[in-house]
Amino acid sequence: MNERIKELRLKLKLSQEEFGDKLGITKASISRIEKAQVKITESNILAICREFNVRREWLETGEGEMFEPEPATLIDRIVKEQNLGPVGRKFLEVIIGMDERDLNKIYQFMRALVLESGESEGIPPLPETLDEAAKAVGQYAQEEYLREAEAEDDTKASFSTA
């Protein structure tokens, strides 16, 4: 398996440091794994398969294709990324097939459930309409992206000054 990890890393054109960063382990650990100086852990196997879309069978035995096939549709991708089962998949399919009027009805129903439950503490105020909610989610996503980019810049700066 150690040779296949190196083969994968080289195919992805990643240094040991870049490969390790994506898995949350050090360059030295990747080097020891590739040289078979340490046994690869189950959690590292899972991380490699998840992070790089690698087939576990190939990683363990060398048989079959190196990579999992790409999901055919957006729903397939969401189901895979969010680890949804058949119920979650069906829910997505139904929601995607709805028109704006029906989506607004569902949003209003969910909003009423939250408000009536009395357990809305810690939940930001819910917008009145689905359009307002979508705008709020978009703004939140943009702010979150900027926070992550800022944190990444801070991390890089701290390493470059060390």
C-alpha atoms as a PDB file:
ATOM      1  CA  MET A   1       0.000   0.000   0.000  1.00  0.00           C
ATOM      2  CA  ASN A   2       2.909   2.331   0.736  1.00  0.00           C
ATOM      3  CA  GLU A   3       4.035   2.315  -2.905  1.00  0.00           C
ATOM      4  CA  ARG A   4       0.497   3.143  -4.051  1.00  0.00           C
ATOM      5  CA  ILE A   5       0.351   6.121  -1.700  1.00  0.00           C
ATOM      6  CA  LYS A   6       3.520   7.465  -3.296  1.00  0.00           C
ATOM      7  CA  GLU A   7       2.147   6.648  -6.752  1.00  0.00           C
ATOM      8  CA  LEU A   8      -1.041   8.576  -5.938  1.00  0.00           C
ATOM      9  CA  ARG A   9       0.865  11.556  -4.580  1.00  0.00           C
ATOM     10  CA  LEU A  10       3.057  11.715  -7.685  1.00  0.00           C
ATOM     11  CA  LYS A  11       0.060  11.351  -9.994  1.00  0.00           C
ATOM     12  CA  LEU A  12      -1.578  14.287  -8.203  1.00  0.00           C
ATOM     13  CA  LYS A  13       1.697  16.235  -8.580  1.00  0.00           C
ATOM     14  CA  LEU A  14       1.838  16.998  -4.870  1.00  0.00           C
ATOM     15  CA  SER A  15       4.904  17.270  -2.667  1.00  0.00           C
ATOM     16  CA  GLN A  16       4.952  15.217   0.507  1.00  0.00           C
ATOM     17  CA  GLU A  17       4.224  18.418   2.407  1.00  0.00           C
ATOM     18  CA  GLU A  18       1.223  19.347   0.212  1.00  0.00           C
ATOM     19  CA  PHE A  19      -0.138  15.798   0.382  1.00  0.00           C
ATOM     20  CA  GLY A  20       0.257  15.729   4.158  1.00  0.00           C
ATOM     21  CA  ASP A  21      -1.361  19.156   4.560  1.00  0.00           C
ATOM     22  CA  LYS A  22      -4.499  17.915   2.834  1.00  0.00           C
ATOM     23  CA  LEU A  23      -4.625  14.982   5.247  1.00  0.00           C
ATOM     24  CA  GLY A  24      -3.614  16.882   8.366  1.00  0.00           C
ATOM     25  CA  ILE A  25      -0.336  15.001   8.818  1.00  0.00           C
ATOM     26  CA  THR A  26       3.298  16.052   8.534  1.00  0.00           C
ATOM     27  CA  LYS A  27       5.684  15.752   5.603  1.00  0.00           C
ATOM     28  CA  ALA A  28       7.845  13.480   7.770  1.00  0.00           C
ATOM     29  CA  SER A  29       4.888  11.155   8.377  1.00  0.00           C
ATOM     30  CA  ILE A  30       4.188  10.939   4.639  1.00  0.00           C
ATOM     31  CA  SER A  31       7.838  10.131   4.029  1.00  0.00           C
ATOM     32  CA  ARG A  32       7.796   7.350   6.652  1.00  0.00           C
ATOM     33  CA  ILE A  33       4.537   5.947   5.232  1.00  0.00           C
ATOM     34  CA  GLU A  34       5.919   5.896   1.678  1.00  0.00           C
ATOM     35  CA  LYS A  35       9.113   4.171   2.877  1.00  0.00           C
ATOM     36  CA  ALA A  36       7.041   1.604   4.829  1.00  0.00           C
ATOM     37  CA  GLN A  37       8.725   2.678   8.064  1.00  0.00           C
ATOM     38  CA  VAL A  38       5.350   2.997   9.767  1.00  0.00           C
ATOM     39  CA  LYS A  39       2.047   1.241   9.291  1.00  0.00           C
ATOM     40  CA  ILE A  40      -0.672   3.422   7.800  1.00  0.00           C
ATOM     41  CA  THR A  41      -3.611   3.913  10.142  1.00  0.00           C
ATOM     42  CA  GLU A  42      -7.232   3.251   9.324  1.00  0.00           C
ATOM     43  CA  SER A  43      -8.012   6.932   9.766  1.00  0.00           C
ATOM     44  CA  ASN A  44      -5.303   7.846   7.234  1.00  0.00           C
ATOM     45  CA  ILE A  45      -6.674   5.315   4.747  1.00  0.00           C
ATOM     46  CA  LEU A  46     -10.135   6.834   5.105  1.00  0.00           C
ATOM     47  CA  ALA A  47      -8.742  10.360   4.799  1.00  0.00           C
ATOM     48  CA  ILE A  48      -6.812   9.517   1.617  1.00  0.00           C
ATOM     49  CA  CYS A  49      -9.870   7.907   0.022  1.00  0.00           C
ATOM     50  CA  ARG A  50     -12.132  10.804   0.997  1.00  0.00           C
ATOM     51  CA  GLU A  51      -9.768  13.691   0.251  1.00  0.00           C
ATOM     52  CA  PHE A  52      -8.511  12.412  -3.099  1.00  0.00           C
ATOM     53  CA  ASN A  53     -11.566  10.411  -4.240  1.00  0.00           C
ATOM     54  CA  VAL A  54      -9.497   7.202  -4.247  1.00  0.00           C
ATOM     55  CA  ARG A  55     -11.017   3.735  -4.372  1.00  0.00           C
ATOM     56  CA  ARG A  56     -10.135   1.857  -1.197  1.00  0.00           C
ATOM     57  CA  GLU A  57      -9.770  -1.427  -3.103  1.00  0.00           C
ATOM     58  CA  TRP A  58      -7.085   0.124  -5.316  1.00  0.00           C
ATOM     59  CA  LEU A  59      -5.296   1.663  -2.345  1.00  0.00           C
ATOM     60  CA  GLU A  60      -5.212  -1.605  -0.423  1.00  0.00           C
ATOM     61  CA  THR A  61      -4.673  -4.116  -3.227  1.00  0.00           C
ATOM     62  CA  GLY A  62      -3.760  -2.218  -6.385  1.00  0.00           C
ATOM     63  CA  GLU A  63      -6.738  -3.754  -8.175  1.00  0.00           C
ATOM     64  CA  GLY A  64      -9.199  -1.768 -10.243  1.00  0.00           C
ATOM     65  CA  GLU A  65      -9.226   1.925 -10.994  1.00  0.00           C
ATOM     66  CA  MET A  66      -7.317   4.381  -8.828  1.00  0.00           C
ATOM     67  CA  PHE A  67     -10.148   6.906  -8.523  1.00  0.00           C
ATOM     68  CA  GLU A  68     -13.841   6.684  -7.765  1.00  0.00           C
ATOM     69  CA  PRO A  69     -15.980   7.724 -10.726  1.00  0.00           C
ATOM     70  CA  GLU A  70     -17.175  11.313 -10.590  1.00  0.00           C
ATOM     71  CA  PRO A  71     -20.832  11.713  -9.607  1.00  0.00           C
ATOM     72  CA  ALA A  72     -23.018  11.973 -12.719  1.00  0.00           C
ATOM     73  CA  THR A  73     -25.322  14.713 -11.428  1.00  0.00           C
ATOM     74  CA  LEU A  74     -25.346  17.537  -8.915  1.00  0.00           C
ATOM     75  CA  ILE A  75     -27.696  15.497  -6.733  1.00  0.00           C
ATOM     76  CA  ASP A  76     -25.254  12.559  -6.865  1.00  0.00           C
ATOM     77  CA  ARG A  77     -22.447  14.870  -5.758  1.00  0.00           C
ATOM     78  CA  ILE A  78     -24.442  16.369  -2.869  1.00  0.00           C
ATOM     79  CA  VAL A  79     -25.599  12.916  -1.724  1.00  0.00           C
ATOM     80  CA  LYS A  80     -22.002  11.699  -1.707  1.00  0.00           C
ATOM     81  CA  GLU A  81     -20.481  14.792  -0.061  1.00  0.00           C
ATOM     82  CA  GLN A  82     -23.156  14.956   2.650  1.00  0.00           C
ATOM     83  CA  ASN A  83     -23.300  11.174   3.101  1.00  0.00           C
ATOM     84  CA  LEU A  84     -27.072  11.120   2.547  1.00  0.00           C
ATOM     85  CA  GLY A  85     -29.131   7.976   2.286  1.00  0.00           C
ATOM     86  CA  PRO A  86     -32.120   7.266   0.050  1.00  0.00           C
ATOM     87  CA  VAL A  87     -34.450   9.506   2.080  1.00  0.00           C
ATOM     88  CA  GLY A  88     -32.087  12.488   1.818  1.00  0.00           C
ATOM     89  CA  ARG A  89     -31.687  11.880  -1.913  1.00  0.00           C
ATOM     90  CA  LYS A  90     -35.455  11.758  -2.446  1.00  0.00           C
ATOM     91  CA  PHE A  91     -35.881  14.944  -0.405  1.00  0.00           C
ATOM     92  CA  LEU A  92     -33.352  16.746  -2.630  1.00  0.00           C
ATOM     93  CA  GLU A  93     -35.042  15.488  -5.783  1.00  0.00           C
ATOM     94  CA  VAL A  94     -38.433  16.706  -4.569  1.00  0.00           C
ATOM     95  CA  ILE A  95     -37.118  20.114  -3.459  1.00  0.00           C
ATOM     96  CA  ILE A  96     -35.266  20.676  -6.737  1.00  0.00           C
ATOM     97  CA  GLY A  97     -38.413  19.839  -8.689  1.00  0.00           C
ATOM     98  CA  MET A  98     -40.560  22.417  -6.861  1.00  0.00           C
ATOM     99  CA  ASP A  99     -41.529  25.796  -8.185  1.00  0.00           C
ATOM    100  CA  GLU A 100     -40.918  29.036  -6.288  1.00  0.00           C
ATOM    101  CA  ARG A 101     -44.436  29.195  -4.837  1.00  0.00           C
ATOM    102  CA  ASP A 102     -44.187  25.726  -3.302  1.00  0.00           C
ATOM    103  CA  LEU A 103     -40.695  26.426  -1.946  1.00  0.00           C
ATOM    104  CA  ASN A 104     -42.040  29.556  -0.249  1.00  0.00           C
ATOM    105  CA  LYS A 105     -44.827  27.517   1.343  1.00  0.00           C
ATOM    106  CA  ILE A 106     -42.314  25.018   2.728  1.00  0.00           C
ATOM    107  CA  TYR A 107     -40.106  27.817   3.998  1.00  0.00           C
ATOM    108  CA  GLN A 108     -43.060  29.463   5.759  1.00  0.00           C
ATOM    109  CA  PHE A 109     -44.035  26.124   7.296  1.00  0.00           C
ATOM    110  CA  MET A 110     -40.497  25.486   8.572  1.00  0.00           C
ATOM    111  CA  ARG A 111     -40.239  29.057   9.861  1.00  0.00           C
ATOM    112  CA  ALA A 112     -43.526  28.654  11.749  1.00  0.00           C
ATOM    113  CA  LEU A 113     -42.308  25.369  13.284  1.00  0.00           C
ATOM    114  CA  VAL A 114     -39.147  27.022  14.599  1.00  0.00           C
ATOM    115  CA  LEU A 115     -40.996  30.047  15.928  1.00  0.00           C
ATOM    116  CA  GLU A 116     -43.781  27.981  17.549  1.00  0.00           C
ATOM    117  CA  SER A 117     -41.361  25.514  19.124  1.00  0.00           C
ATOM    118  CA  GLY A 118     -40.143  28.178  21.522  1.00  0.00           C
ATOM    119  CA  GLU A 119     -36.642  26.793  20.991  1.00  0.00           C
ATOM    120  CA  SER A 120     -35.380  29.550  18.740  1.00  0.00           C
ATOM    121  CA  GLU A 121     -32.753  30.722  21.239  1.00  0.00           C
ATOM    122  CA  GLY A 122     -29.411  30.992  19.481  1.00  0.00           C
ATOM    123  CA  ILE A 123     -31.076  30.980  16.073  1.00  0.00           C
ATOM    124  CA  PRO A 124     -30.746  34.289  14.226  1.00  0.00           C
ATOM    125  CA  PRO A 125     -34.008  36.027  13.323  1.00  0.00           C
ATOM    126  CA  LEU A 126     -35.642  34.193  10.445  1.00  0.00           C
ATOM    127  CA  PRO A 127     -36.345  36.302   7.361  1.00  0.00           C
ATOM    128  CA  GLU A 128     -39.986  36.697   6.362  1.00  0.00           C
ATOM    129  CA  THR A 129     -39.576  35.326   2.824  1.00  0.00           C
ATOM    130  CA  LEU A 130     -37.517  32.710   1.030  1.00  0.00           C
ATOM    131  CA  ASP A 131     -35.893  35.417  -1.107  1.00  0.00           C
ATOM    132  CA  GLU A 132     -34.725  37.242   2.022  1.00  0.00           C
ATOM    133  CA  ALA A 133     -33.465  33.952   3.451  1.00  0.00           C
ATOM    134  CA  ALA A 134     -31.548  33.194   0.244  1.00  0.00           C
ATOM    135  CA  LYS A 135     -29.923  36.635   0.352  1.00  0.00           C
ATOM    136  CA  ALA A 136     -28.978  36.123   4.013  1.00  0.00           C
ATOM    137  CA  VAL A 137     -27.457  32.715   3.246  1.00  0.00           C
ATOM    138  CA  GLY A 138     -25.502  34.210   0.333  1.00  0.00           C
ATOM    139  CA  GLN A 139     -24.204  37.009   2.554  1.00  0.00           C
ATOM    140  CA  TYR A 140     -23.282  34.525   5.276  1.00  0.00           C
ATOM    141  CA  ALA A 141     -21.462  32.289   2.760  1.00  0.00           C
ATOM    142  CA  GLN A 142     -19.507  35.258   1.432  1.00  0.00           C
ATOM    143  CA  GLU A 143     -18.560  36.366   4.953  1.00  0.00           C
ATOM    144  CA  GLU A 144     -17.543  32.810   5.867  1.00  0.00           C
ATOM    145  CA  TYR A 145     -15.399  32.557   2.714  1.00  0.00           C
ATOM    146  CA  LEU A 146     -13.661  35.835   3.626  1.00  0.00           C
ATOM    147  CA  ARG A 147     -13.083  34.641   7.218  1.00  0.00           C
ATOM    148  CA  GLU A 148     -11.539  31.387   5.957  1.00  0.00           C
ATOM    149  CA  ALA A 149      -9.325  33.255   3.461  1.00  0.00           C
ATOM    150  CA  GLU A 150      -8.216  35.642   6.209  1.00  0.00           C
ATOM    151  CA  ALA A 151      -7.439  32.741   8.573  1.00  0.00           C
ATOM    152  CA  GLU A 152      -5.456  30.996   5.823  1.00  0.00           C
ATOM    153  CA  ASP A 153      -3.465  34.193   5.165  1.00  0.00           C
ATOM    154  CA  ASP A 154      -2.773  34.506   8.899  1.00  0.00           C
ATOM    155  CA  THR A 155      -1.590  30.885   9.041  1.00  0.00           C
ATOM    156  CA  LYS A 156       0.711  31.358   6.042  1.00  0.00           C
ATOM    157  CA  ALA A 157       2.088  34.566   7.542  1.00  0.00           C
ATOM    158  CA  SER A 158       2.839  32.871  10.857  1.00  0.00           C
ATOM    159  CA  PHE A 159       4.744  30.069   9.092  1.00  0.00           C
ATOM    160  CA  SER A 160       6.731  32.468   6.929  1.00  0.00           C
ATOM    161  CA  THR A 161       7.881  34.476   9.947  1.00  0.00           C
ATOM    162  CA  ALA A 162       8.781  31.400  12.007  1.00  0.00           C
END
